[in-house]
Amino acid sequence: MVRIRWLGHATFLIRFGEKKIIVDPWITGNPVCPIKLEELERVDHVVVTHSHGDHLGDAIEIAKRDSAKLIAIYEIAKDAEEKGVKNVVGGNIGGWIEVDGIKYMLTPALHSSEKGAPTGVIMSNGSIAIYHAGDTGLFSEMELLGRMYKIDVALLPIGGVYTMGPYEASIATFLLRPKIVIPMHYNTFPAITQDPETFKEYVKRVAPGVNVRILKPGEEVEIRI
């Protein structure tokens, strides 16, 4: 059993049993995040997909505060270590990294990053696999990710401008074939205003077997597969 809580934009708090993971923790300055940094519960792992401020966010402060392990592409992990994070796990695209019983794989993303390469990440506890796409455009190798890693839950950006929009994200859903898809990275600021119901309608047409779960910032979904 896994719990996934959306904290707005691309920030998710994921519970694999007793392990708590925060991905792209932009809390301070995030206009749609429902909590303050001091209200965030202690986490075990901090995962960063790329170094843009709306994804790196509070990662370094949280990792220091909680003595959490920060997991990211090598250059981001090295920079975090130089800034005082004691537990960093740097990797690169394409190979599994196991940390405290949770497996991570950094995946390609079509985007940019000041440090290292932009990534997505697949997380698995051996029973449930979650794919956080990071910031990305649509790319055909998503089909291979879905076929190889049997993704149960996909967290996909739909905001457009900087990432996929609703239509492109629906095609990504078709390629990945997850059981559940949760849209993210929209309605944080005017440039990425989208109606998630539009995404849901596209998915119904192109990938009708996939369950679209639209969350409000702060809402949590429990996954039993």
C-alpha atoms as a PDB file:
ATOM      1  CA  MET A   1       0.000   0.000   0.000  1.00  0.00           C
ATOM      2  CA  VAL A   2       1.293   3.420  -1.024  1.00  0.00           C
ATOM      3  CA  ARG A   3       0.008   6.906  -0.267  1.00  0.00           C
ATOM      4  CA  ILE A   4       0.636   9.790  -2.645  1.00  0.00           C
ATOM      5  CA  ARG A   5      -0.055  13.365  -1.539  1.00  0.00           C
ATOM      6  CA  TRP A   6       0.171  16.228  -4.007  1.00  0.00           C
ATOM      7  CA  LEU A   7       1.504  19.467  -2.546  1.00  0.00           C
ATOM      8  CA  GLY A   8       1.012  21.474  -5.725  1.00  0.00           C
ATOM      9  CA  HIS A   9       3.123  21.987  -8.851  1.00  0.00           C
ATOM     10  CA  ALA A  10       5.484  18.958  -9.087  1.00  0.00           C
ATOM     11  CA  THR A  11       5.838  18.357  -5.342  1.00  0.00           C
ATOM     12  CA  PHE A  12       4.676  14.986  -4.025  1.00  0.00           C
ATOM     13  CA  LEU A  13       4.950  13.321  -0.625  1.00  0.00           C
ATOM     14  CA  ILE A  14       4.997   9.567  -1.199  1.00  0.00           C
ATOM     15  CA  ARG A  15       4.756   6.931   1.516  1.00  0.00           C
ATOM     16  CA  PHE A  16       6.035   3.477   0.760  1.00  0.00           C
ATOM     17  CA  GLY A  17       5.029   1.832   4.018  1.00  0.00           C
ATOM     18  CA  GLU A  18       7.147   3.478   6.710  1.00  0.00           C
ATOM     19  CA  LYS A  19       9.427   5.258   4.256  1.00  0.00           C
ATOM     20  CA  LYS A  20       8.512   8.849   3.383  1.00  0.00           C
ATOM     21  CA  ILE A  21       9.814  10.401   0.181  1.00  0.00           C
ATOM     22  CA  ILE A  22       9.390  13.950  -1.032  1.00  0.00           C
ATOM     23  CA  VAL A  23       9.928  14.646  -4.724  1.00  0.00           C
ATOM     24  CA  ASP A  24      10.786  18.104  -6.085  1.00  0.00           C
ATOM     25  CA  PRO A  25      10.002  19.841  -2.778  1.00  0.00           C
ATOM     26  CA  TRP A  26       9.117  23.396  -3.762  1.00  0.00           C
ATOM     27  CA  ILE A  27       7.247  24.580  -0.691  1.00  0.00           C
ATOM     28  CA  THR A  28       8.672  27.995   0.174  1.00  0.00           C
ATOM     29  CA  GLY A  29       7.336  30.472  -2.392  1.00  0.00           C
ATOM     30  CA  ASN A  30       5.022  27.959  -4.054  1.00  0.00           C
ATOM     31  CA  PRO A  31       1.717  29.851  -4.361  1.00  0.00           C
ATOM     32  CA  VAL A  32      -0.415  26.691  -4.414  1.00  0.00           C
ATOM     33  CA  CYS A  33       1.363  24.612  -1.765  1.00  0.00           C
ATOM     34  CA  PRO A  34      -1.070  24.099   1.147  1.00  0.00           C
ATOM     35  CA  ILE A  35       1.584  23.798   3.854  1.00  0.00           C
ATOM     36  CA  LYS A  36       4.553  25.757   5.159  1.00  0.00           C
ATOM     37  CA  LEU A  37       7.988  24.209   5.306  1.00  0.00           C
ATOM     38  CA  GLU A  38       7.856  23.885   9.084  1.00  0.00           C
ATOM     39  CA  GLU A  39       4.622  21.897   8.732  1.00  0.00           C
ATOM     40  CA  LEU A  40       6.216  19.258   6.513  1.00  0.00           C
ATOM     41  CA  GLU A  41       6.637  16.026   8.430  1.00  0.00           C
ATOM     42  CA  ARG A  42      10.024  14.366   8.652  1.00  0.00           C
ATOM     43  CA  VAL A  43      11.026  12.537   5.480  1.00  0.00           C
ATOM     44  CA  ASP A  44      13.567   9.810   4.776  1.00  0.00           C
ATOM     45  CA  HIS A  45      14.435  10.612   1.168  1.00  0.00           C
ATOM     46  CA  VAL A  46      14.474  13.792  -0.903  1.00  0.00           C
ATOM     47  CA  VAL A  47      14.370  13.275  -4.673  1.00  0.00           C
ATOM     48  CA  VAL A  48      15.189  16.067  -7.141  1.00  0.00           C
ATOM     49  CA  THR A  49      14.534  15.721 -10.878  1.00  0.00           C
ATOM     50  CA  HIS A  50      16.449  18.829 -11.981  1.00  0.00           C
ATOM     51  CA  SER A  51      17.935  22.034 -10.644  1.00  0.00           C
ATOM     52  CA  HIS A  52      15.313  24.632 -11.585  1.00  0.00           C
ATOM     53  CA  GLY A  53      14.135  26.518  -8.517  1.00  0.00           C
ATOM     54  CA  ASP A  54      10.565  25.250  -8.722  1.00  0.00           C
ATOM     55  CA  HIS A  55      11.869  21.676  -8.383  1.00  0.00           C
ATOM     56  CA  LEU A  56      15.068  21.892  -6.342  1.00  0.00           C
ATOM     57  CA  GLY A  57      13.123  24.210  -4.058  1.00  0.00           C
ATOM     58  CA  ASP A  58      13.704  23.400  -0.368  1.00  0.00           C
ATOM     59  CA  ALA A  59      15.503  20.112  -1.033  1.00  0.00           C
ATOM     60  CA  ILE A  60      18.792  21.058   0.604  1.00  0.00           C
ATOM     61  CA  GLU A  61      17.156  22.546   3.693  1.00  0.00           C
ATOM     62  CA  ILE A  62      14.863  19.524   4.138  1.00  0.00           C
ATOM     63  CA  ALA A  63      17.715  17.049   3.687  1.00  0.00           C
ATOM     64  CA  LYS A  64      19.765  18.870   6.324  1.00  0.00           C
ATOM     65  CA  ARG A  65      16.835  19.251   8.715  1.00  0.00           C
ATOM     66  CA  ASP A  66      15.800  15.607   8.581  1.00  0.00           C
ATOM     67  CA  SER A  67      19.198  14.002   7.933  1.00  0.00           C
ATOM     68  CA  ALA A  68      17.450  12.612   4.870  1.00  0.00           C
ATOM     69  CA  LYS A  69      19.186  11.100   1.869  1.00  0.00           C
ATOM     70  CA  LEU A  70      19.094  13.357  -1.176  1.00  0.00           C
ATOM     71  CA  ILE A  71      18.794  11.425  -4.428  1.00  0.00           C
ATOM     72  CA  ALA A  72      19.499  13.154  -7.735  1.00  0.00           C
ATOM     73  CA  ILE A  73      21.697  13.149 -10.789  1.00  0.00           C
ATOM     74  CA  TYR A  74      25.376  13.289  -9.845  1.00  0.00           C
ATOM     75  CA  GLU A  75      25.981  17.015 -10.358  1.00  0.00           C
ATOM     76  CA  ILE A  76      22.997  18.047  -8.219  1.00  0.00           C
ATOM     77  CA  ALA A  77      23.947  15.558  -5.510  1.00  0.00           C
ATOM     78  CA  LYS A  78      27.547  16.802  -5.509  1.00  0.00           C
ATOM     79  CA  ASP A  79      26.404  20.423  -5.241  1.00  0.00           C
ATOM     80  CA  ALA A  80      24.120  19.519  -2.335  1.00  0.00           C
ATOM     81  CA  GLU A  81      27.013  17.798  -0.594  1.00  0.00           C
ATOM     82  CA  GLU A  82      29.145  20.903  -1.017  1.00  0.00           C
ATOM     83  CA  LYS A  83      26.300  22.897   0.571  1.00  0.00           C
ATOM     84  CA  GLY A  84      26.321  20.713   3.666  1.00  0.00           C
ATOM     85  CA  VAL A  85      23.995  17.801   2.949  1.00  0.00           C
ATOM     86  CA  LYS A  86      25.617  14.803   4.641  1.00  0.00           C
ATOM     87  CA  ASN A  87      23.723  12.001   2.915  1.00  0.00           C
ATOM     88  CA  VAL A  88      23.699  12.291  -0.866  1.00  0.00           C
ATOM     89  CA  VAL A  89      23.118   9.578  -3.438  1.00  0.00           C
ATOM     90  CA  GLY A  90      24.202  10.669  -6.883  1.00  0.00           C
ATOM     91  CA  GLY A  91      23.393   8.613  -9.942  1.00  0.00           C
ATOM     92  CA  ASN A  92      22.762   9.001 -13.616  1.00  0.00           C
ATOM     93  CA  ILE A  93      20.200   8.015 -16.197  1.00  0.00           C
ATOM     94  CA  GLY A  94      19.471   4.370 -16.831  1.00  0.00           C
ATOM     95  CA  GLY A  95      20.500   2.257 -13.823  1.00  0.00           C
ATOM     96  CA  TRP A  96      18.744   1.265 -10.624  1.00  0.00           C
ATOM     97  CA  ILE A  97      19.838   2.806  -7.324  1.00  0.00           C
ATOM     98  CA  GLU A  98      18.679   1.048  -4.140  1.00  0.00           C
ATOM     99  CA  VAL A  99      18.329   3.180  -1.028  1.00  0.00           C
ATOM    100  CA  ASP A 100      16.901   1.741   2.208  1.00  0.00           C
ATOM    101  CA  GLY A 101      14.874  -0.871   0.355  1.00  0.00           C
ATOM    102  CA  ILE A 102      13.435   1.569  -2.226  1.00  0.00           C
ATOM    103  CA  LYS A 103      14.693   1.329  -5.806  1.00  0.00           C
ATOM    104  CA  TYR A 104      15.117   4.443  -7.923  1.00  0.00           C
ATOM    105  CA  MET A 105      15.881   4.866 -11.596  1.00  0.00           C
ATOM    106  CA  LEU A 106      16.589   8.246 -13.133  1.00  0.00           C
ATOM    107  CA  THR A 107      14.997   8.457 -16.572  1.00  0.00           C
ATOM    108  CA  PRO A 108      15.422  10.830 -19.502  1.00  0.00           C
ATOM    109  CA  ALA A 109      13.430  14.069 -19.669  1.00  0.00           C
ATOM    110  CA  LEU A 110      13.199  16.591 -22.499  1.00  0.00           C
ATOM    111  CA  HIS A 111      13.887  19.794 -20.605  1.00  0.00           C
ATOM    112  CA  SER A 112      16.820  21.826 -19.269  1.00  0.00           C
ATOM    113  CA  SER A 113      18.737  22.069 -16.005  1.00  0.00           C
ATOM    114  CA  GLU A 114      21.460  24.356 -14.690  1.00  0.00           C
ATOM    115  CA  LYS A 115      23.279  21.353 -13.189  1.00  0.00           C
ATOM    116  CA  GLY A 116      23.514  17.916 -14.726  1.00  0.00           C
ATOM    117  CA  ALA A 117      20.802  16.633 -17.033  1.00  0.00           C
ATOM    118  CA  PRO A 118      17.059  16.908 -16.422  1.00  0.00           C
ATOM    119  CA  THR A 119      15.483  13.623 -15.360  1.00  0.00           C
ATOM    120  CA  GLY A 120      12.340  11.844 -14.391  1.00  0.00           C
ATOM    121  CA  VAL A 121      12.400   9.106 -11.772  1.00  0.00           C
ATOM    122  CA  ILE A 122      10.852   5.675 -11.322  1.00  0.00           C
ATOM    123  CA  MET A 123      10.422   4.614  -7.691  1.00  0.00           C
ATOM    124  CA  SER A 124       9.560   1.073  -6.618  1.00  0.00           C
ATOM    125  CA  ASN A 125       9.206  -0.862  -3.395  1.00  0.00           C
ATOM    126  CA  GLY A 126       9.099  -4.130  -5.322  1.00  0.00           C
ATOM    127  CA  SER A 127       5.306  -4.154  -5.485  1.00  0.00           C
ATOM    128  CA  ILE A 128       4.263  -0.748  -6.805  1.00  0.00           C
ATOM    129  CA  ALA A 129       6.177   1.367  -9.327  1.00  0.00           C
ATOM    130  CA  ILE A 130       5.615   5.130  -9.555  1.00  0.00           C
ATOM    131  CA  TYR A 131       6.948   7.283 -12.386  1.00  0.00           C
ATOM    132  CA  HIS A 132       7.428  11.005 -11.734  1.00  0.00           C
ATOM    133  CA  ALA A 133       8.205  12.449 -15.151  1.00  0.00           C
ATOM    134  CA  GLY A 134       9.803  15.659 -13.884  1.00  0.00           C
ATOM    135  CA  ASP A 135       9.530  18.500 -16.376  1.00  0.00           C
ATOM    136  CA  THR A 136       9.449  17.001 -19.836  1.00  0.00           C
ATOM    137  CA  GLY A 137       8.076  17.089 -23.304  1.00  0.00           C
ATOM    138  CA  LEU A 138       6.670  13.995 -24.935  1.00  0.00           C
ATOM    139  CA  PHE A 139       9.211  11.422 -26.142  1.00  0.00           C
ATOM    140  CA  SER A 140       8.652   8.060 -27.774  1.00  0.00           C
ATOM    141  CA  GLU A 141      10.875   6.095 -25.372  1.00  0.00           C
ATOM    142  CA  MET A 142       8.129   6.455 -22.761  1.00  0.00           C
ATOM    143  CA  GLU A 143       6.623   3.370 -24.387  1.00  0.00           C
ATOM    144  CA  LEU A 144       9.773   1.420 -23.533  1.00  0.00           C
ATOM    145  CA  LEU A 145       9.697   2.655 -19.928  1.00  0.00           C
ATOM    146  CA  GLY A 146       6.136   1.423 -19.611  1.00  0.00           C
ATOM    147  CA  ARG A 147       6.865  -1.954 -21.182  1.00  0.00           C
ATOM    148  CA  MET A 148      10.025  -2.621 -19.193  1.00  0.00           C
ATOM    149  CA  TYR A 149       9.045  -1.360 -15.758  1.00  0.00           C
ATOM    150  CA  LYS A 150       5.277  -1.978 -15.562  1.00  0.00           C
ATOM    151  CA  ILE A 151       4.489   1.458 -14.139  1.00  0.00           C
ATOM    152  CA  ASP A 152       1.481   1.463 -11.832  1.00  0.00           C
ATOM    153  CA  VAL A 153       1.179   5.227 -11.257  1.00  0.00           C
ATOM    154  CA  ALA A 154       2.390   8.000 -13.565  1.00  0.00           C
ATOM    155  CA  LEU A 155       2.711  11.601 -12.382  1.00  0.00           C
ATOM    156  CA  LEU A 156       2.719  13.712 -15.543  1.00  0.00           C
ATOM    157  CA  PRO A 157       3.023  17.457 -16.212  1.00  0.00           C
ATOM    158  CA  ILE A 158       0.160  18.976 -18.215  1.00  0.00           C
ATOM    159  CA  GLY A 159       0.809  22.709 -17.952  1.00  0.00           C
ATOM    160  CA  GLY A 160       2.271  23.324 -21.405  1.00  0.00           C
ATOM    161  CA  VAL A 161       4.801  26.091 -22.238  1.00  0.00           C
ATOM    162  CA  TYR A 162       7.634  24.450 -20.236  1.00  0.00           C
ATOM    163  CA  THR A 163       6.375  20.858 -20.422  1.00  0.00           C
ATOM    164  CA  MET A 164       3.787  18.718 -22.135  1.00  0.00           C
ATOM    165  CA  GLY A 165       0.268  20.098 -22.357  1.00  0.00           C
ATOM    166  CA  PRO A 166      -2.906  18.047 -21.780  1.00  0.00           C
ATOM    167  CA  TYR A 167      -2.965  16.444 -25.240  1.00  0.00           C
ATOM    168  CA  GLU A 168       0.720  15.505 -25.251  1.00  0.00           C
ATOM    169  CA  ALA A 169       0.408  14.159 -21.701  1.00  0.00           C
ATOM    170  CA  SER A 170      -2.513  11.986 -22.797  1.00  0.00           C
ATOM    171  CA  ILE A 171      -0.307  10.471 -25.507  1.00  0.00           C
ATOM    172  CA  ALA A 172       2.376   9.919 -22.858  1.00  0.00           C
ATOM    173  CA  THR A 173      -0.275   8.081 -20.840  1.00  0.00           C
ATOM    174  CA  PHE A 174      -1.032   5.909 -23.867  1.00  0.00           C
ATOM    175  CA  LEU A 175       2.662   5.081 -24.290  1.00  0.00           C
ATOM    176  CA  LEU A 176       3.306   4.382 -20.594  1.00  0.00           C
ATOM    177  CA  ARG A 177       0.092   2.412 -19.968  1.00  0.00           C
ATOM    178  CA  PRO A 178       0.001   2.960 -16.189  1.00  0.00           C
ATOM    179  CA  LYS A 179      -2.946   1.827 -14.125  1.00  0.00           C
ATOM    180  CA  ILE A 180      -3.368   5.336 -12.693  1.00  0.00           C
ATOM    181  CA  VAL A 181      -2.237   8.760 -13.940  1.00  0.00           C
ATOM    182  CA  ILE A 182      -2.153  11.936 -11.847  1.00  0.00           C
ATOM    183  CA  PRO A 183      -1.661  15.297 -13.600  1.00  0.00           C
ATOM    184  CA  MET A 184       0.783  17.843 -12.133  1.00  0.00           C
ATOM    185  CA  HIS A 185       2.697  21.022 -12.976  1.00  0.00           C
ATOM    186  CA  TYR A 186      -0.331  23.156 -13.886  1.00  0.00           C
ATOM    187  CA  ASN A 187      -2.272  26.141 -12.472  1.00  0.00           C
ATOM    188  CA  THR A 188       0.668  27.296 -10.354  1.00  0.00           C
ATOM    189  CA  PHE A 189       0.954  30.565 -12.271  1.00  0.00           C
ATOM    190  CA  PRO A 190      -0.816  32.049 -15.311  1.00  0.00           C
ATOM    191  CA  ALA A 191       1.507  30.689 -18.001  1.00  0.00           C
ATOM    192  CA  ILE A 192       0.613  27.099 -17.143  1.00  0.00           C
ATOM    193  CA  THR A 193      -3.122  27.483 -16.566  1.00  0.00           C
ATOM    194  CA  GLN A 194      -4.936  24.318 -17.632  1.00  0.00           C
ATOM    195  CA  ASP A 195      -8.186  22.511 -16.922  1.00  0.00           C
ATOM    196  CA  PRO A 196      -7.269  18.970 -15.776  1.00  0.00           C
ATOM    197  CA  GLU A 197     -10.669  17.777 -16.967  1.00  0.00           C
ATOM    198  CA  THR A 198      -9.447  18.432 -20.505  1.00  0.00           C
ATOM    199  CA  PHE A 199      -6.549  16.061 -19.865  1.00  0.00           C
ATOM    200  CA  LYS A 200      -8.996  13.510 -18.458  1.00  0.00           C
ATOM    201  CA  GLU A 201     -11.133  13.682 -21.584  1.00  0.00           C
ATOM    202  CA  TYR A 202      -8.095  13.189 -23.838  1.00  0.00           C
ATOM    203  CA  VAL A 203      -7.043  10.143 -21.801  1.00  0.00           C
ATOM    204  CA  LYS A 204     -10.530   8.669 -22.119  1.00  0.00           C
ATOM    205  CA  ARG A 205     -10.131   8.806 -25.889  1.00  0.00           C
ATOM    206  CA  VAL A 206      -6.559   7.578 -26.320  1.00  0.00           C
ATOM    207  CA  ALA A 207      -5.988   5.377 -23.234  1.00  0.00           C
ATOM    208  CA  PRO A 208      -9.462   4.473 -21.948  1.00  0.00           C
ATOM    209  CA  GLY A 209      -8.237   1.791 -19.540  1.00  0.00           C
ATOM    210  CA  VAL A 210      -6.224   4.252 -17.437  1.00  0.00           C
ATOM    211  CA  ASN A 211      -7.736   5.738 -14.274  1.00  0.00           C
ATOM    212  CA  VAL A 212      -7.201   9.515 -14.138  1.00  0.00           C
ATOM    213  CA  ARG A 213      -7.015  10.836 -10.575  1.00  0.00           C
ATOM    214  CA  ILE A 214      -7.228  14.618 -10.332  1.00  0.00           C
ATOM    215  CA  LEU A 215      -6.013  15.879  -6.969  1.00  0.00           C
ATOM    216  CA  LYS A 216      -6.278  19.281  -5.364  1.00  0.00           C
ATOM    217  CA  PRO A 217      -3.117  20.563  -3.641  1.00  0.00           C
ATOM    218  CA  GLY A 218      -2.988  18.827  -0.266  1.00  0.00           C
ATOM    219  CA  GLU A 219      -5.122  15.857  -1.299  1.00  0.00           C
ATOM    220  CA  GLU A 220      -3.865  12.298  -0.914  1.00  0.00           C
ATOM    221  CA  VAL A 221      -4.667   9.103  -2.755  1.00  0.00           C
ATOM    222  CA  GLU A 222      -4.106   5.593  -1.411  1.00  0.00           C
ATOM    223  CA  ILE A 223      -2.879   3.046  -3.939  1.00  0.00           C
ATOM    224  CA  ARG A 224      -3.601  -0.643  -3.468  1.00  0.00           C
ATOM    225  CA  ILE A 225      -2.564  -2.786  -6.424  1.00  0.00           C
END
